[in-house]
PDB file of N, CA and C in Angstrom:
ATOM      1  N   UNK A   1      -7.882 -17.977 -18.934  1.00  0.00           N
ATOM      2  CA  UNK A   1      -6.688 -18.116 -17.959  1.00  0.00           C
ATOM      3  C   UNK A   1      -6.676 -19.441 -17.456  1.00  0.00           C
ATOM      4  N   UNK A   2      -5.420 -19.751 -17.203  1.00  0.00           N
ATOM      5  CA  UNK A   2      -5.254 -21.189 -16.621  1.00  0.00           C
ATOM      6  C   UNK A   2      -4.157 -20.983 -15.465  1.00  0.00           C
ATOM      7  N   UNK A   3      -4.519 -21.652 -14.295  1.00  0.00           N
ATOM      8  CA  UNK A   3      -3.535 -21.661 -13.333  1.00  0.00           C
ATOM      9  C   UNK A   3      -2.400 -22.421 -13.204  1.00  0.00           C
ATOM     10  N   UNK A   4      -1.223 -21.575 -13.129  1.00  0.00           N
ATOM     11  CA  UNK A   4       0.083 -22.430 -13.363  1.00  0.00           C
ATOM     12  C   UNK A   4       0.927 -22.448 -11.926  1.00  0.00           C
ATOM     13  N   UNK A   5       0.272 -22.175 -10.998  1.00  0.00           N
ATOM     14  CA  UNK A   5       1.013 -22.341  -9.548  1.00  0.00           C
ATOM     15  C   UNK A   5       0.576 -21.371  -8.636  1.00  0.00           C
ATOM     16  N   UNK A   6       1.384 -21.307  -7.543  1.00  0.00           N
ATOM     17  CA  UNK A   6       0.865 -20.219  -6.401  1.00  0.00           C
ATOM     18  C   UNK A   6       2.177 -19.790  -5.572  1.00  0.00           C
ATOM     19  N   UNK A   7       1.931 -18.866  -5.077  1.00  0.00           N
ATOM     20  CA  UNK A   7       2.757 -18.227  -4.316  1.00  0.00           C
ATOM     21  C   UNK A   7       2.146 -17.657  -2.959  1.00  0.00           C
ATOM     22  N   UNK A   8       2.896 -18.006  -1.904  1.00  0.00           N
ATOM     23  CA  UNK A   8       2.352 -17.388  -0.563  1.00  0.00           C
ATOM     24  C   UNK A   8       2.757 -15.944  -0.301  1.00  0.00           C
ATOM     25  N   UNK A   9       1.885 -15.094   0.204  1.00  0.00           N
ATOM     26  CA  UNK A   9       2.409 -13.756   0.659  1.00  0.00           C
ATOM     27  C   UNK A   9       1.975 -13.478   1.980  1.00  0.00           C
ATOM     28  N   UNK A  10       2.934 -12.759   2.776  1.00  0.00           N
ATOM     29  CA  UNK A  10       2.517 -12.328   4.077  1.00  0.00           C
ATOM     30  C   UNK A  10       2.042 -10.956   4.147  1.00  0.00           C
ATOM     31  N   UNK A  11       0.929 -10.637   4.649  1.00  0.00           N
ATOM     32  CA  UNK A  11       0.565  -9.148   4.501  1.00  0.00           C
ATOM     33  C   UNK A  11       0.323  -8.678   6.015  1.00  0.00           C
ATOM     34  N   UNK A  12       0.787  -7.418   6.154  1.00  0.00           N
ATOM     35  CA  UNK A  12       0.756  -7.034   7.597  1.00  0.00           C
ATOM     36  C   UNK A  12      -0.575  -6.174   7.552  1.00  0.00           C
ATOM     37  N   UNK A  13      -1.419  -6.514   8.615  1.00  0.00           N
ATOM     38  CA  UNK A  13      -2.790  -5.897   8.942  1.00  0.00           C
ATOM     39  C   UNK A  13      -2.571  -5.088  10.146  1.00  0.00           C
ATOM     40  N   UNK A  14      -3.757  -4.452  10.590  1.00  0.00           N
ATOM     41  CA  UNK A  14      -3.923  -3.640  11.642  1.00  0.00           C
ATOM     42  C   UNK A  14      -3.510  -4.365  13.055  1.00  0.00           C
ATOM     43  N   UNK A  15      -2.701  -3.764  14.019  1.00  0.00           N
ATOM     44  CA  UNK A  15      -2.167  -4.505  15.016  1.00  0.00           C
ATOM     45  C   UNK A  15      -3.336  -4.498  16.143  1.00  0.00           C
ATOM     46  N   UNK A  16      -3.386  -5.487  16.862  1.00  0.00           N
ATOM     47  CA  UNK A  16      -4.390  -5.718  17.923  1.00  0.00           C
ATOM     48  C   UNK A  16      -3.387  -5.722  19.133  1.00  0.00           C
ATOM     49  N   UNK A  17      -3.552  -4.509  19.674  1.00  0.00           N
ATOM     50  CA  UNK A  17      -2.556  -4.423  20.915  1.00  0.00           C
ATOM     51  C   UNK A  17      -1.368  -4.080  20.490  1.00  0.00           C
ATOM     52  N   UNK A  18      -0.424  -4.576  21.171  1.00  0.00           N
ATOM     53  CA  UNK A  18       1.063  -4.490  20.959  1.00  0.00           C
ATOM     54  C   UNK A  18       1.761  -5.286  19.582  1.00  0.00           C
ATOM     55  N   UNK A  19       1.376  -6.555  19.542  1.00  0.00           N
ATOM     56  CA  UNK A  19       2.049  -7.440  18.592  1.00  0.00           C
ATOM     57  C   UNK A  19       1.434  -6.949  17.111  1.00  0.00           C
ATOM     58  N   UNK A  20       2.506  -7.090  16.160  1.00  0.00           N
ATOM     59  CA  UNK A  20       1.963  -6.949  14.760  1.00  0.00           C
ATOM     60  C   UNK A  20       1.348  -8.202  14.278  1.00  0.00           C
ATOM     61  N   UNK A  21       0.242  -8.071  13.461  1.00  0.00           N
ATOM     62  CA  UNK A  21      -0.267  -9.117  12.841  1.00  0.00           C
ATOM     63  C   UNK A  21      -0.241  -9.231  11.447  1.00  0.00           C
ATOM     64  N   UNK A  22       0.079 -10.563  11.008  1.00  0.00           N
ATOM     65  CA  UNK A  22       0.347 -10.767   9.517  1.00  0.00           C
ATOM     66  C   UNK A  22      -0.723 -11.943   9.103  1.00  0.00           C
ATOM     67  N   UNK A  23      -1.031 -11.815   8.113  1.00  0.00           N
ATOM     68  CA  UNK A  23      -2.050 -12.702   7.175  1.00  0.00           C
ATOM     69  C   UNK A  23      -1.151 -13.469   6.370  1.00  0.00           C
ATOM     70  N   UNK A  24      -1.226 -14.717   6.160  1.00  0.00           N
ATOM     71  CA  UNK A  24      -0.598 -15.544   5.203  1.00  0.00           C
ATOM     72  C   UNK A  24      -1.706 -15.916   4.187  1.00  0.00           C
ATOM     73  N   UNK A  25      -1.412 -15.615   2.908  1.00  0.00           N
ATOM     74  CA  UNK A  25      -2.436 -15.967   2.014  1.00  0.00           C
ATOM     75  C   UNK A  25      -1.727 -16.554   0.718  1.00  0.00           C
ATOM     76  N   UNK A  26      -2.772 -17.118  -0.004  1.00  0.00           N
ATOM     77  CA  UNK A  26      -2.183 -17.753  -1.393  1.00  0.00           C
ATOM     78  C   UNK A  26      -2.461 -16.864  -2.426  1.00  0.00           C
ATOM     79  N   UNK A  27      -1.598 -16.578  -3.309  1.00  0.00           N
ATOM     80  CA  UNK A  27      -1.865 -15.730  -4.486  1.00  0.00           C
ATOM     81  C   UNK A  27      -1.597 -16.637  -5.790  1.00  0.00           C
ATOM     82  N   UNK A  28      -2.822 -17.082  -6.449  1.00  0.00           N
ATOM     83  CA  UNK A  28      -2.637 -17.908  -7.657  1.00  0.00           C
ATOM     84  C   UNK A  28      -1.834 -17.159  -8.695  1.00  0.00           C
ATOM     85  N   UNK A  29      -1.003 -17.761  -9.286  1.00  0.00           N
ATOM     86  CA  UNK A  29      -0.325 -17.498 -10.692  1.00  0.00           C
ATOM     87  C   UNK A  29      -1.056 -18.131 -11.702  1.00  0.00           C
ATOM     88  N   UNK A  30      -1.496 -17.223 -12.859  1.00  0.00           N
ATOM     89  CA  UNK A  30      -2.373 -17.524 -13.664  1.00  0.00           C
ATOM     90  C   UNK A  30      -1.732 -17.182 -15.218  1.00  0.00           C
ATOM     91  N   UNK A  31      -2.021 -17.931 -16.126  1.00  0.00           N
ATOM     92  CA  UNK A  31      -1.516 -17.616 -17.476  1.00  0.00           C
ATOM     93  C   UNK A  31      -2.398 -17.397 -18.499  1.00  0.00           C
ATOM     94  N   UNK A  32      -2.663 -16.602 -19.410  1.00  0.00           N
ATOM     95  CA  UNK A  32      -3.275 -16.024 -20.231  1.00  0.00           C
ATOM     96  C   UNK A  32      -3.281 -17.169 -21.443  1.00  0.00           C
ATOM     97  N   UNK A  33      -4.361 -17.676 -21.768  1.00  0.00           N
ATOM     98  CA  UNK A  33      -4.441 -18.533 -23.151  1.00  0.00           C
ATOM     99  C   UNK A  33      -4.075 -17.900 -24.381  1.00  0.00           C
ATOM    100  N   UNK A  34      -4.443 -16.820 -24.572  1.00  0.00           N
ATOM    101  CA  UNK A  34      -4.414 -15.995 -26.009  1.00  0.00           C
ATOM    102  C   UNK A  34      -2.817 -15.510 -26.010  1.00  0.00           C
ATOM    103  N   UNK A  35      -2.304 -14.866 -25.246  1.00  0.00           N
ATOM    104  CA  UNK A  35      -1.115 -14.240 -25.123  1.00  0.00           C
ATOM    105  C   UNK A  35       0.011 -14.885 -24.389  1.00  0.00           C
ATOM    106  N   UNK A  36      -0.089 -15.777 -23.515  1.00  0.00           N
ATOM    107  CA  UNK A  36       0.742 -16.519 -22.608  1.00  0.00           C
ATOM    108  C   UNK A  36       1.450 -15.538 -21.580  1.00  0.00           C
ATOM    109  N   UNK A  37       0.749 -14.556 -21.263  1.00  0.00           N
ATOM    110  CA  UNK A  37       1.310 -13.619 -20.297  1.00  0.00           C
ATOM    111  C   UNK A  37       1.009 -14.216 -19.002  1.00  0.00           C
ATOM    112  N   UNK A  38       1.965 -14.314 -17.959  1.00  0.00           N
ATOM    113  CA  UNK A  38       1.684 -14.651 -16.613  1.00  0.00           C
ATOM    114  C   UNK A  38       1.439 -13.285 -15.787  1.00  0.00           C
ATOM    115  N   UNK A  39       0.475 -13.718 -14.782  1.00  0.00           N
ATOM    116  CA  UNK A  39       0.265 -12.790 -13.755  1.00  0.00           C
ATOM    117  C   UNK A  39      -0.160 -13.332 -12.408  1.00  0.00           C
ATOM    118  N   UNK A  40      -0.163 -12.746 -11.461  1.00  0.00           N
ATOM    119  CA  UNK A  40      -0.531 -13.143 -10.064  1.00  0.00           C
ATOM    120  C   UNK A  40      -1.704 -12.405  -9.713  1.00  0.00           C
ATOM    121  N   UNK A  41      -2.750 -13.114  -9.350  1.00  0.00           N
ATOM    122  CA  UNK A  41      -3.847 -12.333  -8.905  1.00  0.00           C
ATOM    123  C   UNK A  41      -3.796 -11.834  -7.491  1.00  0.00           C
ATOM    124  N   UNK A  42      -4.126 -10.597  -7.137  1.00  0.00           N
ATOM    125  CA  UNK A  42      -4.072 -10.168  -5.671  1.00  0.00           C
ATOM    126  C   UNK A  42      -5.179 -10.626  -5.055  1.00  0.00           C
ATOM    127  N   UNK A  43      -5.173 -10.647  -3.783  1.00  0.00           N
ATOM    128  CA  UNK A  43      -6.367 -11.002  -2.908  1.00  0.00           C
ATOM    129  C   UNK A  43      -7.085  -9.749  -2.789  1.00  0.00           C
ATOM    130  N   UNK A  44      -8.476  -9.918  -2.552  1.00  0.00           N
ATOM    131  CA  UNK A  44      -9.296  -8.826  -2.509  1.00  0.00           C
ATOM    132  C   UNK A  44      -9.145  -7.658  -1.574  1.00  0.00           C
ATOM    133  N   UNK A  45      -8.444  -8.110  -0.638  1.00  0.00           N
ATOM    134  CA  UNK A  45      -8.294  -7.350   0.561  1.00  0.00           C
ATOM    135  C   UNK A  45      -6.844  -6.562   0.592  1.00  0.00           C
ATOM    136  N   UNK A  46      -6.088  -6.721  -0.493  1.00  0.00           N
ATOM    137  CA  UNK A  46      -4.744  -6.180  -0.319  1.00  0.00           C
ATOM    138  C   UNK A  46      -4.295  -5.565  -1.563  1.00  0.00           C
ATOM    139  N   UNK A  47      -3.586  -4.691  -2.274  1.00  0.00           N
ATOM    140  CA  UNK A  47      -3.148  -4.568  -3.533  1.00  0.00           C
ATOM    141  C   UNK A  47      -1.831  -5.515  -3.852  1.00  0.00           C
ATOM    142  N   UNK A  48      -1.808  -5.511  -5.215  1.00  0.00           N
ATOM    143  CA  UNK A  48      -0.885  -6.697  -5.602  1.00  0.00           C
ATOM    144  C   UNK A  48       0.711  -6.210  -5.380  1.00  0.00           C
ATOM    145  N   UNK A  49       1.007  -5.075  -5.167  1.00  0.00           N
ATOM    146  CA  UNK A  49       2.193  -4.527  -4.993  1.00  0.00           C
ATOM    147  C   UNK A  49       2.806  -4.223  -3.686  1.00  0.00           C
ATOM    148  N   UNK A  50       1.907  -4.365  -2.733  1.00  0.00           N
ATOM    149  CA  UNK A  50       2.301  -3.979  -1.413  1.00  0.00           C
ATOM    150  C   UNK A  50       1.940  -4.961  -0.369  1.00  0.00           C
ATOM    151  N   UNK A  51       2.807  -5.013   0.676  1.00  0.00           N
ATOM    152  CA  UNK A  51       2.645  -6.070   1.632  1.00  0.00           C
ATOM    153  C   UNK A  51       1.873  -5.522   2.970  1.00  0.00           C
ATOM    154  N   UNK A  52       0.749  -4.692   2.691  1.00  0.00           N
ATOM    155  CA  UNK A  52      -0.159  -4.463   3.758  1.00  0.00           C
ATOM    156  C   UNK A  52      -1.481  -4.535   3.318  1.00  0.00           C
ATOM    157  N   UNK A  53      -2.397  -4.581   4.020  1.00  0.00           N
ATOM    158  CA  UNK A  53      -3.890  -4.738   3.625  1.00  0.00           C
ATOM    159  C   UNK A  53      -4.407  -3.376   3.369  1.00  0.00           C
ATOM    160  N   UNK A  54      -5.476  -3.200   2.823  1.00  0.00           N
ATOM    161  CA  UNK A  54      -6.187  -2.068   2.596  1.00  0.00           C
ATOM    162  C   UNK A  54      -6.605  -1.379   3.886  1.00  0.00           C
ATOM    163  N   UNK A  55      -7.013  -2.327   4.867  1.00  0.00           N
ATOM    164  CA  UNK A  55      -7.220  -1.845   6.235  1.00  0.00           C
ATOM    165  C   UNK A  55      -6.188  -1.345   6.846  1.00  0.00           C
ATOM    166  N   UNK A  56      -4.959  -1.769   6.743  1.00  0.00           N
ATOM    167  CA  UNK A  56      -3.875  -1.362   7.517  1.00  0.00           C
ATOM    168  C   UNK A  56      -3.444   0.032   6.876  1.00  0.00           C
ATOM    169  N   UNK A  57      -3.600   0.116   5.558  1.00  0.00           N
ATOM    170  CA  UNK A  57      -3.187   1.483   4.936  1.00  0.00           C
ATOM    171  C   UNK A  57      -4.214   2.536   5.507  1.00  0.00           C
ATOM    172  N   UNK A  58      -5.409   2.139   5.425  1.00  0.00           N
ATOM    173  CA  UNK A  58      -6.537   3.243   5.737  1.00  0.00           C
ATOM    174  C   UNK A  58      -6.221   3.589   7.258  1.00  0.00           C
ATOM    175  N   UNK A  59      -6.149   2.465   8.194  1.00  0.00           N
ATOM    176  CA  UNK A  59      -5.614   2.996   9.569  1.00  0.00           C
ATOM    177  C   UNK A  59      -4.571   3.687   9.872  1.00  0.00           C
ATOM    178  N   UNK A  60      -3.344   3.567   8.956  1.00  0.00           N
ATOM    179  CA  UNK A  60      -2.229   4.265   9.083  1.00  0.00           C
ATOM    180  C   UNK A  60      -2.514   5.812   8.648  1.00  0.00           C
ATOM    181  N   UNK A  61      -3.087   5.792   7.586  1.00  0.00           N
ATOM    182  CA  UNK A  61      -3.459   7.204   7.074  1.00  0.00           C
ATOM    183  C   UNK A  61      -4.290   7.833   7.932  1.00  0.00           C
ATOM    184  N   UNK A  62      -5.211   7.179   8.691  1.00  0.00           N
ATOM    185  CA  UNK A  62      -6.317   8.008   9.511  1.00  0.00           C
ATOM    186  C   UNK A  62      -5.302   8.356  10.962  1.00  0.00           C
ATOM    187  N   UNK A  63      -4.626   7.471  11.321  1.00  0.00           N
ATOM    188  CA  UNK A  63      -3.792   7.783  12.587  1.00  0.00           C
ATOM    189  C   UNK A  63      -2.812   9.085  12.363  1.00  0.00           C
ATOM    190  N   UNK A  64      -2.428   9.127  11.000  1.00  0.00           N
ATOM    191  CA  UNK A  64      -1.510  10.380  10.703  1.00  0.00           C
ATOM    192  C   UNK A  64      -2.072  11.586  10.919  1.00  0.00           C
ATOM    193  N   UNK A  65      -3.346  11.785  11.239  1.00  0.00           N
ATOM    194  CA  UNK A  65      -4.051  12.914  11.624  1.00  0.00           C
ATOM    195  C   UNK A  65      -3.955  13.385  12.927  1.00  0.00           C
ATOM    196  N   UNK A  66      -3.587  12.534  13.883  1.00  0.00           N
ATOM    197  CA  UNK A  66      -3.530  12.711  15.256  1.00  0.00           C
ATOM    198  C   UNK A  66      -2.343  12.477  16.018  1.00  0.00           C
ATOM    199  N   UNK A  67      -1.032  11.800  14.988  1.00  0.00           N
ATOM    200  CA  UNK A  67       0.048  11.499  15.719  1.00  0.00           C
ATOM    201  C   UNK A  67       1.093  11.671  14.506  1.00  0.00           C
ATOM    202  N   UNK A  68       2.294  11.746  15.212  1.00  0.00           N
ATOM    203  CA  UNK A  68       3.439  12.111  14.258  1.00  0.00           C
ATOM    204  C   UNK A  68       3.702  10.847  13.564  1.00  0.00           C
ATOM    205  N   UNK A  69       4.496  10.977  12.411  1.00  0.00           N
ATOM    206  CA  UNK A  69       4.936   9.725  11.702  1.00  0.00           C
ATOM    207  C   UNK A  69       5.836   8.866  12.290  1.00  0.00           C
ATOM    208  N   UNK A  70       6.791   9.386  13.228  1.00  0.00           N
ATOM    209  CA  UNK A  70       7.548   8.516  14.075  1.00  0.00           C
ATOM    210  C   UNK A  70       6.956   7.856  15.032  1.00  0.00           C
ATOM    211  N   UNK A  71       5.841   8.447  15.645  1.00  0.00           N
ATOM    212  CA  UNK A  71       5.070   7.625  16.512  1.00  0.00           C
ATOM    213  C   UNK A  71       4.317   6.389  15.848  1.00  0.00           C
ATOM    214  N   UNK A  72       3.697   6.864  14.823  1.00  0.00           N
ATOM    215  CA  UNK A  72       2.825   5.852  14.092  1.00  0.00           C
ATOM    216  C   UNK A  72       3.958   4.675  13.450  1.00  0.00           C
ATOM    217  N   UNK A  73       5.132   5.044  13.029  1.00  0.00           N
ATOM    218  CA  UNK A  73       5.965   3.875  12.696  1.00  0.00           C
ATOM    219  C   UNK A  73       6.365   2.998  13.929  1.00  0.00           C
ATOM    220  N   UNK A  74       6.492   3.701  15.078  1.00  0.00           N
ATOM    221  CA  UNK A  74       6.840   2.750  16.171  1.00  0.00           C
ATOM    222  C   UNK A  74       5.534   1.985  16.791  1.00  0.00           C
ATOM    223  N   UNK A  75       4.561   2.379  16.669  1.00  0.00           N
ATOM    224  CA  UNK A  75       3.244   1.852  16.807  1.00  0.00           C
ATOM    225  C   UNK A  75       2.927   0.612  15.963  1.00  0.00           C
ATOM    226  N   UNK A  76       2.900   0.875  14.605  1.00  0.00           N
ATOM    227  CA  UNK A  76       2.691  -0.152  13.831  1.00  0.00           C
ATOM    228  C   UNK A  76       3.666  -1.210  13.299  1.00  0.00           C
ATOM    229  N   UNK A  77       4.950  -0.775  13.695  1.00  0.00           N
ATOM    230  CA  UNK A  77       6.127  -1.384  13.300  1.00  0.00           C
ATOM    231  C   UNK A  77       6.590  -1.166  11.819  1.00  0.00           C
ATOM    232  N   UNK A  78       5.994  -0.259  11.103  1.00  0.00           N
ATOM    233  CA  UNK A  78       6.306  -0.013   9.863  1.00  0.00           C
ATOM    234  C   UNK A  78       7.267   0.776   9.771  1.00  0.00           C
ATOM    235  N   UNK A  79       8.061   0.991   8.700  1.00  0.00           N
ATOM    236  CA  UNK A  79       9.316   1.853   8.593  1.00  0.00           C
ATOM    237  C   UNK A  79       8.762   3.096   8.314  1.00  0.00           C
ATOM    238  N   UNK A  80       9.662   4.132   8.860  1.00  0.00           N
ATOM    239  CA  UNK A  80       9.392   5.659   8.588  1.00  0.00           C
ATOM    240  C   UNK A  80       8.934   5.951   7.217  1.00  0.00           C
ATOM    241  N   UNK A  81       9.854   5.411   6.288  1.00  0.00           N
ATOM    242  CA  UNK A  81       9.745   5.831   5.098  1.00  0.00           C
ATOM    243  C   UNK A  81       8.380   5.214   4.240  1.00  0.00           C
ATOM    244  N   UNK A  82       8.040   4.062   4.928  1.00  0.00           N
ATOM    245  CA  UNK A  82       6.668   3.411   4.394  1.00  0.00           C
ATOM    246  C   UNK A  82       5.451   4.371   4.992  1.00  0.00           C
ATOM    247  N   UNK A  83       5.612   4.987   6.152  1.00  0.00           N
ATOM    248  CA  UNK A  83       4.708   5.728   6.731  1.00  0.00           C
ATOM    249  C   UNK A  83       4.519   7.004   5.840  1.00  0.00           C
ATOM    250  N   UNK A  84       5.602   7.622   5.509  1.00  0.00           N
ATOM    251  CA  UNK A  84       5.911   8.864   4.593  1.00  0.00           C
ATOM    252  C   UNK A  84       5.185   8.591   3.341  1.00  0.00           C
ATOM    253  N   UNK A  85       5.273   7.535   2.722  1.00  0.00           N
ATOM    254  CA  UNK A  85       4.691   7.312   1.495  1.00  0.00           C
ATOM    255  C   UNK A  85       3.096   7.077   1.604  1.00  0.00           C
ATOM    256  N   UNK A  86       2.671   6.547   2.726  1.00  0.00           N
ATOM    257  CA  UNK A  86       1.339   6.563   2.964  1.00  0.00           C
ATOM    258  C   UNK A  86       0.597   7.837   3.328  1.00  0.00           C
ATOM    259  N   UNK A  87       1.443   8.633   3.992  1.00  0.00           N
ATOM    260  CA  UNK A  87       0.855  10.017   4.203  1.00  0.00           C
ATOM    261  C   UNK A  87       0.984  10.895   2.736  1.00  0.00           C
ATOM    262  N   UNK A  88       1.812  10.584   1.993  1.00  0.00           N
ATOM    263  CA  UNK A  88       2.018  11.314   0.695  1.00  0.00           C
ATOM    264  C   UNK A  88       0.741  10.900  -0.260  1.00  0.00           C
ATOM    265  N   UNK A  89       0.516   9.386  -0.365  1.00  0.00           N
ATOM    266  CA  UNK A  89      -0.645   8.850  -0.932  1.00  0.00           C
ATOM    267  C   UNK A  89      -2.129   9.568  -0.582  1.00  0.00           C
ATOM    268  N   UNK A  90      -2.009   9.768   0.608  1.00  0.00           N
ATOM    269  CA  UNK A  90      -3.432  10.475   1.255  1.00  0.00           C
ATOM    270  C   UNK A  90      -3.457  11.751   0.841  1.00  0.00           C
ATOM    271  N   UNK A  91      -2.492  12.618   0.848  1.00  0.00           N
ATOM    272  CA  UNK A  91      -2.515  14.090   0.486  1.00  0.00           C
ATOM    273  C   UNK A  91      -2.683  14.288  -0.893  1.00  0.00           C
ATOM    274  N   UNK A  92      -2.037  13.284  -1.725  1.00  0.00           N
ATOM    275  CA  UNK A  92      -2.285  13.427  -3.247  1.00  0.00           C
ATOM    276  C   UNK A  92      -3.846  13.169  -3.434  1.00  0.00           C
ATOM    277  N   UNK A  93      -4.383  12.190  -2.886  1.00  0.00           N
ATOM    278  CA  UNK A  93      -5.811  11.541  -3.022  1.00  0.00           C
ATOM    279  C   UNK A  93      -6.676  12.907  -2.455  1.00  0.00           C
ATOM    280  N   UNK A  94      -6.295  13.392  -1.451  1.00  0.00           N
ATOM    281  CA  UNK A  94      -7.136  14.448  -0.767  1.00  0.00           C
ATOM    282  C   UNK A  94      -7.073  15.818  -1.564  1.00  0.00           C
ATOM    283  N   UNK A  95      -6.010  16.225  -1.786  1.00  0.00           N
ATOM    284  CA  UNK A  95      -5.651  17.474  -2.355  1.00  0.00           C
ATOM    285  C   UNK A  95      -5.173  17.548  -3.736  1.00  0.00           C
ATOM    286  N   UNK A  96      -4.727  16.442  -4.441  1.00  0.00           N
ATOM    287  CA  UNK A  96      -4.181  16.581  -5.741  1.00  0.00           C
ATOM    288  C   UNK A  96      -2.580  16.738  -5.652  1.00  0.00           C
ATOM    289  N   UNK A  97      -2.104  16.579  -6.767  1.00  0.00           N
ATOM    290  CA  UNK A  97      -0.721  16.969  -6.850  1.00  0.00           C
ATOM    291  C   UNK A  97      -0.431  18.477  -6.800  1.00  0.00           C
ATOM    292  N   UNK A  98       0.977  18.617  -6.560  1.00  0.00           N
ATOM    293  CA  UNK A  98       1.461  20.034  -6.544  1.00  0.00           C
ATOM    294  C   UNK A  98       1.102  20.877  -7.666  1.00  0.00           C
ATOM    295  N   UNK A  99       0.697  22.082  -7.707  1.00  0.00           N
ATOM    296  CA  UNK A  99       0.407  22.875  -8.781  1.00  0.00           C
ATOM    297  C   UNK A  99       1.621  23.737  -9.280  1.00  0.00           C
ATOM    298  N   UNK A 100       1.922  23.672 -10.467  1.00  0.00           N
ATOM    299  CA  UNK A 100       3.014  24.018 -10.976  1.00  0.00           C
ATOM    300  C   UNK A 100       2.746  25.376 -12.135  1.00  0.00           C
ATOM    301  N   UNK A 101       3.591  26.239 -11.957  1.00  0.00           N
ATOM    302  CA  UNK A 101       3.356  27.541 -12.904  1.00  0.00           C
ATOM    303  C   UNK A 101       3.801  27.099 -14.288  1.00  0.00           C
ATOM    304  N   UNK A 102       3.302  27.681 -15.320  1.00  0.00           N
ATOM    305  CA  UNK A 102       3.830  27.735 -16.604  1.00  0.00           C
ATOM    306  C   UNK A 102       5.089  28.550 -16.842  1.00  0.00           C
ATOM    307  N   UNK A 103       5.944  28.474 -17.776  1.00  0.00           N
ATOM    308  CA  UNK A 103       6.889  29.218 -17.818  1.00  0.00           C
ATOM    309  C   UNK A 103       6.694  30.663 -18.035  1.00  0.00           C
ATOM    310  N   UNK A 104       5.463  30.971 -18.803  1.00  0.00           N
ATOM    311  CA  UNK A 104       5.007  32.350 -18.961  1.00  0.00           C
ATOM    312  C   UNK A 104       4.713  33.081 -17.694  1.00  0.00           C
ATOM    313  N   UNK A 105       4.326  32.382 -16.499  1.00  0.00           N
ATOM    314  CA  UNK A 105       3.951  33.026 -15.348  1.00  0.00           C
ATOM    315  C   UNK A 105       5.386  33.350 -14.355  1.00  0.00           C
ATOM    316  N   UNK A 106       6.267  32.818 -14.824  1.00  0.00           N
ATOM    317  CA  UNK A 106       7.419  32.825 -14.155  1.00  0.00           C
ATOM    318  C   UNK A 106       7.967  34.347 -14.100  1.00  0.00           C
ATOM    319  N   UNK A 107       8.135  35.036 -13.053  1.00  0.00           N
ATOM    320  CA  UNK A 107       8.566  36.463 -12.888  1.00  0.00           C
ATOM    321  C   UNK A 107      10.113  36.360 -12.814  1.00  0.00           C
ATOM    322  N   UNK A 108      10.901  36.785 -13.701  1.00  0.00           N
ATOM    323  CA  UNK A 108      12.458  36.986 -13.387  1.00  0.00           C
ATOM    324  C   UNK A 108      12.972  37.804 -12.249  1.00  0.00           C
TER     325      UNK A 108
END
């Protein structure tokens, strides 16, 4: 791999008090020597596809146990749909996906 540039990402992390906290980090853009494919290396404290740190995701998922999604969205400054997606991820991780009946089990 060789470095071919960089991009800056802003990641939201756990709020300290009222204001929202953002981290500005550099994500190196790399290119494979063999296949020529370019990819961005995510920082170790955030996934490559989301603008939230792992710590923020964990905090939001923990808070959903004791407060409503609307209150959590207001507290963290996240959108309600983002909070809903975090709750959905937590439920799928803890309890698995929905069980579906096979066609032979469906009663007419």
